[in-house]
Protein backbone atom coordinates (compact mmCIF):
# COMPACT_ATOMS: atom_id res chain seq x y z
CA UNK A 1 13.33 -36.05 -30.40
CA UNK A 2 14.33 -38.91 -28.13
CA UNK A 3 17.99 -38.59 -29.17
CA UNK A 4 17.85 -34.84 -28.47
CA UNK A 5 16.59 -35.55 -24.96
CA UNK A 6 19.40 -38.06 -24.41
CA UNK A 7 22.02 -35.50 -25.44
CA UNK A 8 20.51 -32.89 -23.13
CA UNK A 9 20.48 -35.30 -20.21
CA UNK A 10 24.10 -36.32 -20.83
CA UNK A 11 25.18 -32.70 -21.19
CA UNK A 12 23.67 -31.86 -17.80
CA UNK A 13 25.14 -34.97 -16.20
CA UNK A 14 28.67 -34.17 -17.31
CA UNK A 15 28.40 -30.40 -16.86
CA UNK A 16 27.85 -30.70 -13.12
CA UNK A 17 30.97 -32.80 -12.67
CA UNK A 18 34.65 -31.91 -12.99
CA UNK A 19 37.33 -34.05 -14.57
CA UNK A 20 40.60 -35.31 -13.18
CA UNK A 21 43.82 -35.00 -15.13
CA UNK A 22 43.95 -37.36 -18.10
CA UNK A 23 46.55 -38.53 -20.55
CA UNK A 24 46.98 -38.51 -24.33
CA UNK A 25 48.67 -41.31 -26.24
CA UNK A 26 49.71 -41.53 -29.87
CA UNK A 27 50.05 -44.88 -31.61
CA UNK A 28 50.55 -45.79 -35.22
CA UNK A 29 51.50 -48.40 -37.75
CA UNK A 30 53.25 -48.68 -41.10
CA UNK A 31 53.05 -51.58 -43.50
CA UNK A 32 54.80 -52.14 -46.82
CA UNK A 33 53.59 -54.58 -49.45
CA UNK A 34 54.68 -55.99 -52.81
CA UNK A 35 51.85 -57.12 -55.08
CA UNK A 36 52.30 -59.30 -58.15
CA UNK A 37 49.34 -60.15 -60.37
CA UNK A 38 49.48 -62.89 -62.99
CA UNK A 39 46.34 -62.01 -64.97
CA UNK A 40 47.20 -58.41 -65.86
CA UNK A 41 50.14 -56.05 -66.27
CA UNK A 42 51.49 -54.83 -62.96
CA UNK A 43 52.82 -51.28 -62.70
CA UNK A 44 54.57 -50.25 -59.51
CA UNK A 45 54.03 -53.22 -57.16
CA UNK A 46 55.03 -51.36 -53.99
CA UNK A 47 52.40 -50.14 -51.57
CA UNK A 48 52.33 -48.69 -48.08
CA UNK A 49 49.77 -48.30 -45.33
CA UNK A 50 50.34 -45.65 -42.64
CA UNK A 51 48.07 -44.66 -39.81
CA UNK A 52 48.18 -42.58 -36.64
CA UNK A 53 45.76 -42.75 -33.73
CA UNK A 54 45.37 -40.21 -30.91
CA UNK A 55 43.65 -41.40 -27.73
CA UNK A 56 42.91 -39.60 -24.49
CA UNK A 57 41.06 -40.49 -21.30
CA UNK A 58 40.09 -39.02 -17.95
CA UNK A 59 37.61 -39.61 -15.13
CA UNK A 60 34.89 -37.35 -13.79
CA UNK A 61 34.22 -36.83 -10.08
CA UNK A 62 31.06 -38.92 -10.36
CA UNK A 63 33.07 -41.96 -11.51
CA UNK A 64 32.17 -41.74 -15.20
CA UNK A 65 35.16 -42.16 -17.51
CA UNK A 66 35.55 -40.10 -20.66
CA UNK A 67 37.71 -41.26 -23.56
CA UNK A 68 38.30 -39.66 -26.93
CA UNK A 69 39.80 -41.06 -30.13
CA UNK A 70 40.87 -39.55 -33.44
CA UNK A 71 42.68 -41.47 -36.16
CA UNK A 72 44.02 -40.63 -39.61
CA UNK A 73 43.81 -42.08 -43.10
CA UNK A 74 46.72 -42.95 -45.39
CA UNK A 75 47.17 -39.29 -46.32
CA UNK A 76 47.20 -38.34 -42.62
CA UNK A 77 43.85 -36.59 -42.98
CA UNK A 78 41.08 -36.89 -40.39
CA UNK A 79 39.58 -40.36 -40.24
CA UNK A 80 37.29 -41.70 -37.52
CA UNK A 81 36.58 -39.98 -34.20
CA UNK A 82 34.66 -41.02 -31.12
CA UNK A 83 33.81 -39.78 -27.61
CA UNK A 84 32.88 -42.48 -25.10
CA UNK A 85 31.32 -42.01 -21.66
CA UNK A 86 32.03 -45.16 -19.66
CA UNK A 87 30.19 -46.50 -16.65
CA UNK A 88 27.13 -44.24 -16.94
CA UNK A 89 24.90 -45.15 -13.98
CA UNK A 90 27.47 -47.86 -13.33
CA UNK A 91 25.92 -49.99 -16.07
CA UNK A 92 26.43 -48.78 -19.62
CA UNK A 93 28.96 -47.14 -21.93
CA UNK A 94 27.59 -44.50 -24.31
CA UNK A 95 29.47 -43.15 -27.31
CA UNK A 96 29.00 -40.59 -30.07
CA UNK A 97 30.94 -40.60 -33.34
CA UNK A 98 32.31 -43.25 -35.66
CA UNK A 99 35.02 -45.89 -35.55
CA UNK A 100 33.87 -48.40 -38.13
CA UNK A 101 30.65 -49.97 -36.86
CA UNK A 102 29.64 -52.70 -34.45
CA UNK A 103 28.82 -55.11 -37.30
CA UNK A 104 31.87 -54.13 -39.35
CA UNK A 105 34.07 -55.01 -36.36
CA UNK A 106 32.93 -58.65 -36.60
CA UNK A 107 32.76 -58.95 -40.40
CA UNK A 108 35.32 -61.77 -40.30
CA UNK A 109 36.53 -62.94 -36.90
CA UNK A 110 37.75 -66.36 -37.97
CA UNK A 111 41.47 -66.92 -37.21
CA UNK A 112 44.00 -65.64 -39.74
CA UNK A 113 47.74 -65.43 -40.18
CA UNK A 114 47.92 -62.16 -42.12
CA UNK A 115 44.66 -60.76 -43.53
CA UNK A 116 41.02 -61.70 -43.14
CA UNK A 117 39.98 -64.34 -45.66
CA UNK A 118 37.45 -62.01 -47.28
CA UNK A 119 40.15 -59.38 -47.90
CA UNK A 120 41.79 -61.69 -50.44
CA UNK A 121 38.70 -61.94 -52.65
CA UNK A 122 37.71 -59.21 -55.08
CA UNK A 123 34.08 -60.35 -55.38
CA UNK A 124 33.20 -60.92 -51.74
CA UNK A 125 30.34 -58.78 -50.37
CA UNK A 126 30.80 -58.07 -46.69
CA UNK A 127 28.56 -57.00 -43.82
CA UNK A 128 29.21 -53.62 -42.21
CA UNK A 129 27.49 -51.26 -44.63
CA UNK A 130 27.13 -48.66 -41.86
CA UNK A 131 30.87 -48.48 -41.17
CA UNK A 132 31.36 -44.91 -42.38
CA UNK A 133 28.39 -43.40 -40.59
CA UNK A 134 28.29 -41.19 -37.49
CA UNK A 135 25.93 -42.43 -34.79
CA UNK A 136 25.23 -42.90 -31.10
CA UNK A 137 25.82 -46.26 -29.48
CA UNK A 138 25.73 -48.19 -26.23
CA UNK A 139 27.60 -51.12 -24.74
CA UNK A 140 26.63 -53.14 -21.66
CA UNK A 141 26.89 -56.57 -20.08
CA UNK A 142 24.03 -59.03 -19.58
CA UNK A 143 24.41 -62.10 -17.30
CA UNK A 144 24.97 -65.28 -19.34
CA UNK A 145 24.23 -63.46 -22.62
CA UNK A 146 27.54 -61.58 -22.55
CA UNK A 147 28.41 -58.25 -24.17
CA UNK A 148 25.68 -56.35 -26.02
CA UNK A 149 26.53 -53.50 -28.41
CA UNK A 150 24.02 -51.37 -30.31
CA UNK A 151 24.23 -48.32 -32.54
CA UNK A 152 21.71 -45.93 -34.12
CA UNK A 153 22.49 -43.70 -37.13
CA UNK A 154 19.90 -40.91 -37.55
CA UNK A 155 20.60 -40.53 -41.28
CA UNK A 156 22.71 -42.85 -43.41
CA UNK A 157 24.42 -40.37 -45.72
CA UNK A 158 28.12 -41.00 -45.11
CA UNK A 159 28.66 -37.52 -43.64
CA UNK A 160 30.90 -36.93 -40.62
CA UNK A 161 29.73 -33.53 -39.44
CA UNK A 162 31.85 -30.98 -37.62
CA UNK A 163 30.51 -29.57 -34.35
CA UNK A 164 27.35 -27.45 -34.48
CA UNK A 165 26.61 -28.75 -37.98
CA UNK A 166 24.08 -31.05 -39.59
CA UNK A 167 24.29 -32.74 -42.97
CA UNK A 168 22.03 -31.53 -45.76
CA UNK A 169 21.12 -34.95 -47.09
CA UNK A 170 19.48 -34.81 -50.52
CA UNK A 171 19.18 -38.52 -51.21
CA UNK A 172 16.25 -39.14 -48.85
CA UNK A 173 18.18 -41.84 -47.01
CA UNK A 174 16.66 -43.07 -43.78
CA UNK A 175 18.13 -44.28 -40.50
CA UNK A 176 20.21 -47.34 -39.66
CA UNK A 177 20.52 -49.65 -36.65
CA UNK A 178 22.98 -52.32 -35.54
CA UNK A 179 23.01 -54.94 -32.79
CA UNK A 180 25.88 -57.26 -31.83
CA UNK A 181 25.90 -59.89 -29.06
CA UNK A 182 29.12 -61.63 -27.97
CA UNK A 183 28.52 -64.67 -25.73
CA UNK A 184 31.39 -66.61 -24.10
CA UNK A 185 29.79 -70.06 -23.97
CA UNK A 186 31.90 -71.06 -20.96
CA UNK A 187 29.74 -68.77 -18.82
CA UNK A 188 26.49 -70.57 -19.58
CA UNK A 189 24.87 -72.62 -16.82
CA UNK A 190 25.02 -76.45 -17.02
CA UNK A 191 26.90 -76.66 -20.36
CA UNK A 192 29.52 -74.02 -19.55
CA UNK A 193 32.22 -76.49 -18.49
CA UNK A 194 31.91 -78.39 -21.76
CA UNK A 195 31.87 -75.29 -23.97
CA UNK A 196 34.59 -73.36 -22.16
CA UNK A 197 36.83 -71.64 -24.70
CA UNK A 198 34.07 -71.24 -27.29
CA UNK A 199 32.52 -67.86 -28.18
CA UNK A 200 29.31 -67.29 -30.10
CA UNK A 201 29.07 -63.92 -31.86
CA UNK A 202 25.93 -62.71 -33.61
CA UNK A 203 25.28 -59.43 -35.42
CA UNK A 204 22.36 -57.78 -37.22
CA UNK A 205 21.90 -54.48 -39.05
CA UNK A 206 19.14 -52.75 -40.98
CA UNK A 207 19.34 -49.69 -43.19
CA UNK A 208 16.47 -47.68 -44.64
CA UNK A 209 17.61 -47.23 -48.24
CA UNK A 210 15.20 -44.44 -49.14
CA UNK A 211 12.34 -42.54 -47.56
CA UNK A 212 11.11 -41.37 -50.97
CA UNK A 213 11.53 -44.22 -53.46
CA UNK A 214 9.54 -47.44 -53.19
CA UNK A 215 12.46 -49.60 -52.10
CA UNK A 216 12.93 -52.26 -49.46
CA UNK A 217 15.41 -51.88 -46.63
CA UNK A 218 18.88 -53.41 -46.53
CA UNK A 219 19.43 -56.19 -43.98
CA UNK A 220 22.67 -57.79 -42.85
CA UNK A 221 23.32 -60.66 -40.48
CA UNK A 222 26.23 -62.80 -39.36
CA UNK A 223 26.88 -65.58 -36.85
CA UNK A 224 30.31 -66.89 -35.86
CA UNK A 225 31.53 -69.65 -33.59
CA UNK A 226 35.17 -69.34 -32.55
CA UNK A 227 37.35 -71.17 -30.08
CA UNK A 228 40.80 -72.48 -29.22
CA UNK A 229 42.56 -75.58 -27.95
CA UNK A 230 45.92 -74.48 -26.65
CA UNK A 231 47.71 -72.74 -29.54
CA UNK A 232 45.24 -74.10 -32.09
CA UNK A 233 42.51 -71.59 -33.00
CA UNK A 234 39.48 -72.28 -35.15
CA UNK A 235 36.29 -70.64 -36.28
CA UNK A 236 33.29 -70.84 -38.58
CA UNK A 237 31.27 -67.85 -39.76
CA UNK A 238 28.21 -67.32 -41.97
CA UNK A 239 26.99 -64.01 -43.39
CA UNK A 240 23.72 -63.11 -45.11
CA UNK A 241 23.02 -59.83 -46.94
CA UNK A 242 19.76 -58.59 -48.44
CA UNK A 243 20.81 -55.46 -50.34
CA UNK A 244 17.32 -54.00 -50.55
């Protein structure tokens, strides 16, 4: 009910304002790989990753910015999509859709030369279980604390609905929530000069596994400390997962 009221309020807010001319950009990437495995027979070792991303933005008369994003998967089918209203009330960004998740975006932010360290392990369990869900999120700045991002998924069923449609979930899944805080330590009072260049990132997520079965919820958490001295970058990160 609360989310419905938010949508109605946003619809009214944007309906009474007109938009200026915007622009659409298309970006993409292609990557080829050769994989050789010593512990089993390798068939065709060649692989390729190809992606396209369409992005558009404009500004309403009331100063609110509107940006849209649609990307593709390897088969050039629809992937993630998101609509973001920036600077609502001059304080907060509000988005609807999916583009990974707030926690998935920080699953491994330690420095790397090619891939994340966890991508090279076949047994590693990663945070970001809500990455393929469609939700509503917010982003805002807090003095000293830094950037705060939060997302709510009404029903965790992996469905990306088209417009004027709702998923017919049959697995009795519940809702999910995420919270990420990114704090540049150089902005802290007293100790800021000493810690300049360091960033503390913390993330938390909870997922209601079932509203019918007698199961516990899934919880995920991660904390990372990253920094740099000149061209030398470093980082340490810890993740904890309770699968429920």
